[in-house]
Each structure stands twice: as C-alpha cells, then as structure tokens.
Amino acid sequence: MNPDEIDLLRARLLGETARADWAELRTFFARGKLIRVHAELDLIEVAVQIATDQSSDIEILMQSGRLGPLDDATAVDWQQRHPPLWAVVLAPWVLVQERAH
C-alpha cells in the first residue's frame, strides 16, 4: 500500500472504532476472535499494522505480550469490573483495548 492508501485505511479504522461493553464482546471472546491490544499501544496503528500485514512488527508485539488473544483471566476481570473498552473490527478479528477514558 502506498502512503495515501494507508492514510485512508487509518481514517476508516478510526471512524469504525467505538466504545464497547464487555457484554458485546463476549461472543467474539468465546469464538477466539478477540485480540487484546495493550493500553500503551495505539489501537488504530496496531490495526493498520495488521491490515497491511506488517508481520515482523506484529510478531514483536505478540512476543512482548502487548498484543494477543484475550486470556481467560482478563475476560473474568473485565466481566467483573466493566472497564472502558474500545474496539475496532478487523475481520475476522475484533481488536479491543482497555482505556482509562
């Protein structure tokens, strides 16, 4: 993709990012399609990296534990706390991030 196409992708993903309740995300978790993005990362930039197949960058994030399938312990925690979550669909995945605001 050229830089203009990446900018358009970034804008589209930003427009599709929204707050989500855990109740809305549980089905994706049950299907193994919910990907947790660590709070220190930019949710949109991670989505762009995945969409543009930047596999080496994604691998680094996964190895560091800052990106990966949502684990059971976090799912239980979110079920109990109801924290503010932001999500973006990048079919077949849903990327989700806990945020303070």
N, C-alpha and C. Protein backbone atom coordinates (compact mmCIF):
# COMPACT_ATOMS: atom_id res chain seq x y z
N MET A 1 0.84 -1.19 0.00
CA MET A 1 0.00 0.00 0.00
C MET A 1 0.88 1.24 0.00
N ASN A 2 0.42 2.22 -0.74
CA ASN A 2 1.15 3.48 -0.74
C ASN A 2 0.70 4.32 0.46
N PRO A 3 1.43 5.39 0.78
CA PRO A 3 1.10 6.20 1.97
C PRO A 3 -0.32 6.77 1.95
N ASP A 4 -0.83 7.16 0.78
CA ASP A 4 -2.20 7.69 0.71
C ASP A 4 -3.22 6.61 1.05
N GLU A 5 -2.99 5.39 0.57
CA GLU A 5 -3.90 4.28 0.88
C GLU A 5 -3.86 3.94 2.38
N ILE A 6 -2.68 4.02 2.96
CA ILE A 6 -2.56 3.76 4.40
C ILE A 6 -3.28 4.84 5.19
N ASP A 7 -3.16 6.08 4.76
CA ASP A 7 -3.89 7.17 5.43
C ASP A 7 -5.39 6.97 5.34
N LEU A 8 -5.88 6.53 4.19
CA LEU A 8 -7.32 6.26 4.04
C LEU A 8 -7.75 5.10 4.93
N LEU A 9 -6.94 4.06 4.99
CA LEU A 9 -7.22 2.94 5.87
C LEU A 9 -7.26 3.39 7.32
N ARG A 10 -6.28 4.17 7.73
CA ARG A 10 -6.21 4.69 9.09
C ARG A 10 -7.48 5.50 9.41
N ALA A 11 -7.90 6.35 8.50
CA ALA A 11 -9.10 7.17 8.71
C ALA A 11 -10.35 6.29 8.81
N ARG A 12 -10.44 5.27 7.97
CA ARG A 12 -11.60 4.37 8.02
C ARG A 12 -11.65 3.63 9.34
N LEU A 13 -10.51 3.10 9.77
CA LEU A 13 -10.46 2.37 11.03
C LEU A 13 -10.79 3.27 12.22
N LEU A 14 -10.29 4.50 12.17
CA LEU A 14 -10.61 5.45 13.23
C LEU A 14 -12.11 5.70 13.31
N GLY A 15 -12.74 5.83 12.15
CA GLY A 15 -14.18 6.04 12.10
C GLY A 15 -14.99 4.84 12.57
N GLU A 16 -14.39 3.66 12.52
CA GLU A 16 -15.08 2.44 12.93
C GLU A 16 -14.75 2.03 14.36
N THR A 17 -13.91 2.79 15.03
CA THR A 17 -13.54 2.48 16.41
C THR A 17 -14.57 3.09 17.35
N ALA A 18 -14.98 2.31 18.33
CA ALA A 18 -16.02 2.78 19.24
C ALA A 18 -15.87 2.13 20.61
N ARG A 19 -16.50 2.76 21.59
CA ARG A 19 -16.58 2.14 22.91
C ARG A 19 -17.41 0.88 22.80
N ALA A 20 -17.07 -0.09 23.61
CA ALA A 20 -17.80 -1.36 23.60
C ALA A 20 -17.95 -1.85 25.03
N ASP A 21 -19.05 -2.49 25.29
CA ASP A 21 -19.27 -3.13 26.59
C ASP A 21 -18.79 -4.56 26.50
N TRP A 22 -18.36 -5.10 27.63
CA TRP A 22 -17.92 -6.49 27.65
C TRP A 22 -19.02 -7.41 27.14
N ALA A 23 -20.26 -7.12 27.47
CA ALA A 23 -21.38 -7.96 27.02
C ALA A 23 -21.41 -8.08 25.49
N GLU A 24 -21.01 -7.02 24.79
CA GLU A 24 -20.99 -7.03 23.33
C GLU A 24 -19.81 -7.84 22.78
N LEU A 25 -18.80 -8.01 23.59
CA LEU A 25 -17.56 -8.64 23.12
C LEU A 25 -17.43 -10.11 23.51
N ARG A 26 -18.25 -10.55 24.45
CA ARG A 26 -18.12 -11.93 24.95
C ARG A 26 -18.22 -12.98 23.85
N THR A 27 -19.11 -12.77 22.89
CA THR A 27 -19.27 -13.75 21.81
C THR A 27 -17.98 -13.89 21.01
N PHE A 28 -17.34 -12.76 20.73
CA PHE A 28 -16.07 -12.81 19.99
C PHE A 28 -14.99 -13.51 20.81
N PHE A 29 -15.00 -13.27 22.12
CA PHE A 29 -14.06 -13.96 23.01
C PHE A 29 -14.29 -15.46 22.95
N ALA A 30 -15.54 -15.87 23.04
CA ALA A 30 -15.88 -17.30 23.02
C ALA A 30 -15.44 -17.97 21.72
N ARG A 31 -15.45 -17.22 20.63
CA ARG A 31 -15.04 -17.75 19.33
C ARG A 31 -13.52 -17.69 19.10
N GLY A 32 -12.81 -17.08 20.06
CA GLY A 32 -11.36 -16.93 19.91
C GLY A 32 -10.97 -15.84 18.94
N LYS A 33 -11.85 -14.87 18.74
CA LYS A 33 -11.62 -13.81 17.76
C LYS A 33 -11.33 -12.44 18.39
N LEU A 34 -11.17 -12.42 19.70
CA LEU A 34 -10.94 -11.15 20.40
C LEU A 34 -9.45 -11.00 20.68
N ILE A 35 -8.86 -9.94 20.17
CA ILE A 35 -7.43 -9.68 20.31
C ILE A 35 -7.24 -8.47 21.22
N ARG A 36 -6.50 -8.68 22.30
CA ARG A 36 -6.24 -7.60 23.25
C ARG A 36 -5.03 -6.79 22.79
N VAL A 37 -5.21 -5.48 22.79
CA VAL A 37 -4.13 -4.54 22.48
C VAL A 37 -3.80 -3.81 23.77
N HIS A 38 -2.57 -3.89 24.21
CA HIS A 38 -2.15 -3.28 25.46
C HIS A 38 -2.43 -1.77 25.44
N ALA A 39 -2.76 -1.24 26.60
CA ALA A 39 -3.15 0.17 26.72
C ALA A 39 -2.07 1.15 26.28
N GLU A 40 -0.82 0.74 26.34
CA GLU A 40 0.26 1.65 25.95
C GLU A 40 0.39 1.81 24.43
N LEU A 41 -0.29 0.95 23.68
CA LEU A 41 -0.22 0.99 22.22
C LEU A 41 -1.37 1.81 21.64
N ASP A 42 -1.18 2.29 20.44
CA ASP A 42 -2.22 3.00 19.70
C ASP A 42 -3.07 1.95 18.98
N LEU A 43 -4.32 1.83 19.37
CA LEU A 43 -5.21 0.81 18.83
C LEU A 43 -5.29 0.89 17.31
N ILE A 44 -5.42 2.08 16.77
CA ILE A 44 -5.55 2.25 15.32
C ILE A 44 -4.26 1.87 14.61
N GLU A 45 -3.13 2.26 15.14
CA GLU A 45 -1.87 1.93 14.49
C GLU A 45 -1.63 0.42 14.49
N VAL A 46 -2.01 -0.26 15.56
CA VAL A 46 -1.89 -1.71 15.58
C VAL A 46 -2.80 -2.32 14.52
N ALA A 47 -4.02 -1.81 14.41
CA ALA A 47 -4.95 -2.30 13.40
C ALA A 47 -4.38 -2.08 11.99
N VAL A 48 -3.77 -0.94 11.76
CA VAL A 48 -3.14 -0.66 10.46
C VAL A 48 -2.01 -1.65 10.20
N GLN A 49 -1.20 -1.93 11.21
CA GLN A 49 -0.11 -2.89 11.04
C GLN A 49 -0.63 -4.27 10.66
N ILE A 50 -1.73 -4.67 11.31
CA ILE A 50 -2.31 -5.98 10.99
C ILE A 50 -2.89 -5.97 9.59
N ALA A 51 -3.65 -4.93 9.26
CA ALA A 51 -4.31 -4.85 7.95
C ALA A 51 -3.31 -4.79 6.80
N THR A 52 -2.15 -4.22 7.05
CA THR A 52 -1.14 -4.09 5.99
C THR A 52 -0.08 -5.19 6.09
N ASP A 53 -0.35 -6.19 6.91
CA ASP A 53 0.48 -7.38 7.03
C ASP A 53 1.93 -7.06 7.39
N GLN A 54 2.11 -6.22 8.38
CA GLN A 54 3.45 -5.91 8.88
C GLN A 54 3.82 -6.97 9.92
N SER A 55 4.01 -8.18 9.44
CA SER A 55 4.14 -9.35 10.31
C SER A 55 5.31 -9.26 11.28
N SER A 56 6.42 -8.67 10.89
CA SER A 56 7.55 -8.60 11.82
C SER A 56 7.23 -7.68 12.99
N ASP A 57 6.54 -6.57 12.74
CA ASP A 57 6.14 -5.66 13.82
C ASP A 57 5.11 -6.32 14.73
N ILE A 58 4.17 -7.03 14.13
CA ILE A 58 3.13 -7.72 14.89
C ILE A 58 3.76 -8.81 15.75
N GLU A 59 4.70 -9.54 15.20
CA GLU A 59 5.38 -10.60 15.95
C GLU A 59 6.08 -10.04 17.18
N ILE A 60 6.73 -8.89 17.03
CA ILE A 60 7.41 -8.25 18.16
C ILE A 60 6.40 -7.91 19.25
N LEU A 61 5.26 -7.35 18.86
CA LEU A 61 4.23 -7.00 19.85
C LEU A 61 3.68 -8.25 20.53
N MET A 62 3.50 -9.30 19.77
CA MET A 62 2.98 -10.54 20.35
C MET A 62 4.00 -11.17 21.31
N GLN A 63 5.25 -11.19 20.92
CA GLN A 63 6.29 -11.77 21.78
C GLN A 63 6.45 -10.98 23.08
N SER A 64 6.20 -9.68 23.02
CA SER A 64 6.34 -8.84 24.22
C SER A 64 5.11 -8.93 25.12
N GLY A 65 4.06 -9.59 24.63
CA GLY A 65 2.83 -9.72 25.42
C GLY A 65 1.92 -8.52 25.33
N ARG A 66 2.22 -7.58 24.44
CA ARG A 66 1.40 -6.38 24.31
C ARG A 66 0.28 -6.53 23.29
N LEU A 67 0.24 -7.68 22.61
CA LEU A 67 -0.79 -7.97 21.62
C LEU A 67 -1.00 -9.47 21.59
N GLY A 68 -2.25 -9.88 21.62
CA GLY A 68 -2.53 -11.31 21.53
C GLY A 68 -3.95 -11.64 21.91
N PRO A 69 -4.30 -12.89 21.79
CA PRO A 69 -5.66 -13.31 22.15
C PRO A 69 -5.96 -12.95 23.60
N LEU A 70 -7.17 -12.53 23.85
CA LEU A 70 -7.57 -12.20 25.21
C LEU A 70 -7.55 -13.46 26.05
N ASP A 71 -6.90 -13.39 27.19
CA ASP A 71 -6.81 -14.57 28.06
C ASP A 71 -8.01 -14.64 29.01
N ASP A 72 -8.22 -15.82 29.57
CA ASP A 72 -9.36 -16.05 30.45
C ASP A 72 -9.36 -15.13 31.66
N ALA A 73 -8.20 -14.91 32.27
CA ALA A 73 -8.12 -14.08 33.47
C ALA A 73 -8.56 -12.64 33.17
N THR A 74 -8.15 -12.12 32.05
CA THR A 74 -8.57 -10.75 31.68
C THR A 74 -10.05 -10.71 31.39
N ALA A 75 -10.57 -11.74 30.74
CA ALA A 75 -12.01 -11.80 30.45
C ALA A 75 -12.82 -11.77 31.75
N VAL A 76 -12.40 -12.55 32.73
CA VAL A 76 -13.09 -12.56 34.02
C VAL A 76 -12.99 -11.19 34.69
N ASP A 77 -11.81 -10.61 34.65
CA ASP A 77 -11.60 -9.27 35.23
C ASP A 77 -12.52 -8.25 34.58
N TRP A 78 -12.60 -8.25 33.26
CA TRP A 78 -13.46 -7.29 32.56
C TRP A 78 -14.92 -7.55 32.86
N GLN A 79 -15.29 -8.80 32.99
CA GLN A 79 -16.68 -9.15 33.33
C GLN A 79 -17.05 -8.56 34.69
N GLN A 80 -16.12 -8.59 35.63
CA GLN A 80 -16.39 -8.11 36.98
C GLN A 80 -16.28 -6.59 37.10
N ARG A 81 -15.33 -5.98 36.43
CA ARG A 81 -15.07 -4.54 36.59
C ARG A 81 -15.84 -3.64 35.63
N HIS A 82 -16.16 -4.14 34.46
CA HIS A 82 -16.80 -3.32 33.40
C HIS A 82 -15.97 -2.07 33.08
N PRO A 83 -14.69 -2.26 32.72
CA PRO A 83 -13.85 -1.10 32.42
C PRO A 83 -14.22 -0.49 31.07
N PRO A 84 -13.76 0.74 30.81
CA PRO A 84 -14.00 1.32 29.49
C PRO A 84 -13.17 0.59 28.44
N LEU A 85 -13.84 0.07 27.44
CA LEU A 85 -13.18 -0.68 26.37
C LEU A 85 -13.44 0.00 25.04
N TRP A 86 -12.45 -0.04 24.18
CA TRP A 86 -12.57 0.47 22.81
C TRP A 86 -12.27 -0.68 21.88
N ALA A 87 -13.01 -0.75 20.80
CA ALA A 87 -12.84 -1.87 19.87
C ALA A 87 -12.93 -1.41 18.43
N VAL A 88 -12.26 -2.16 17.59
CA VAL A 88 -12.34 -1.95 16.15
C VAL A 88 -12.35 -3.33 15.50
N VAL A 89 -13.22 -3.49 14.52
CA VAL A 89 -13.33 -4.76 13.81
C VAL A 89 -12.35 -4.77 12.66
N LEU A 90 -11.57 -5.83 12.60
CA LEU A 90 -10.65 -6.07 11.51
C LEU A 90 -10.85 -7.54 11.16
N ALA A 91 -11.95 -7.79 10.45
CA ALA A 91 -12.45 -9.15 10.21
C ALA A 91 -11.33 -10.09 9.81
N PRO A 92 -11.30 -11.26 10.43
CA PRO A 92 -12.31 -11.83 11.32
C PRO A 92 -12.10 -11.48 12.79
N TRP A 93 -11.17 -10.59 13.06
CA TRP A 93 -10.80 -10.26 14.43
C TRP A 93 -11.52 -9.01 14.93
N VAL A 94 -11.61 -8.92 16.24
CA VAL A 94 -12.01 -7.68 16.91
C VAL A 94 -10.87 -7.32 17.83
N LEU A 95 -10.28 -6.17 17.60
CA LEU A 95 -9.20 -5.69 18.46
C LEU A 95 -9.84 -4.87 19.56
N VAL A 96 -9.42 -5.11 20.78
CA VAL A 96 -10.02 -4.44 21.94
C VAL A 96 -8.91 -3.94 22.86
N GLN A 97 -9.22 -2.79 23.47
CA GLN A 97 -8.24 -2.16 24.34
C GLN A 97 -8.95 -1.53 25.52
N GLU A 98 -8.42 -1.77 26.70
CA GLU A 98 -8.93 -1.10 27.90
C GLU A 98 -8.28 0.26 27.98
N ARG A 99 -9.11 1.28 28.21
CA ARG A 99 -8.59 2.64 28.32
C ARG A 99 -9.12 3.29 29.58
N ALA A 100 -8.37 4.26 30.07
CA ALA A 100 -8.77 4.97 31.27
C ALA A 100 -9.88 5.99 30.97
N HIS A 101 -10.07 6.33 29.71
CA HIS A 101 -11.10 7.33 29.35
C HIS A 101 -11.85 6.92 28.12
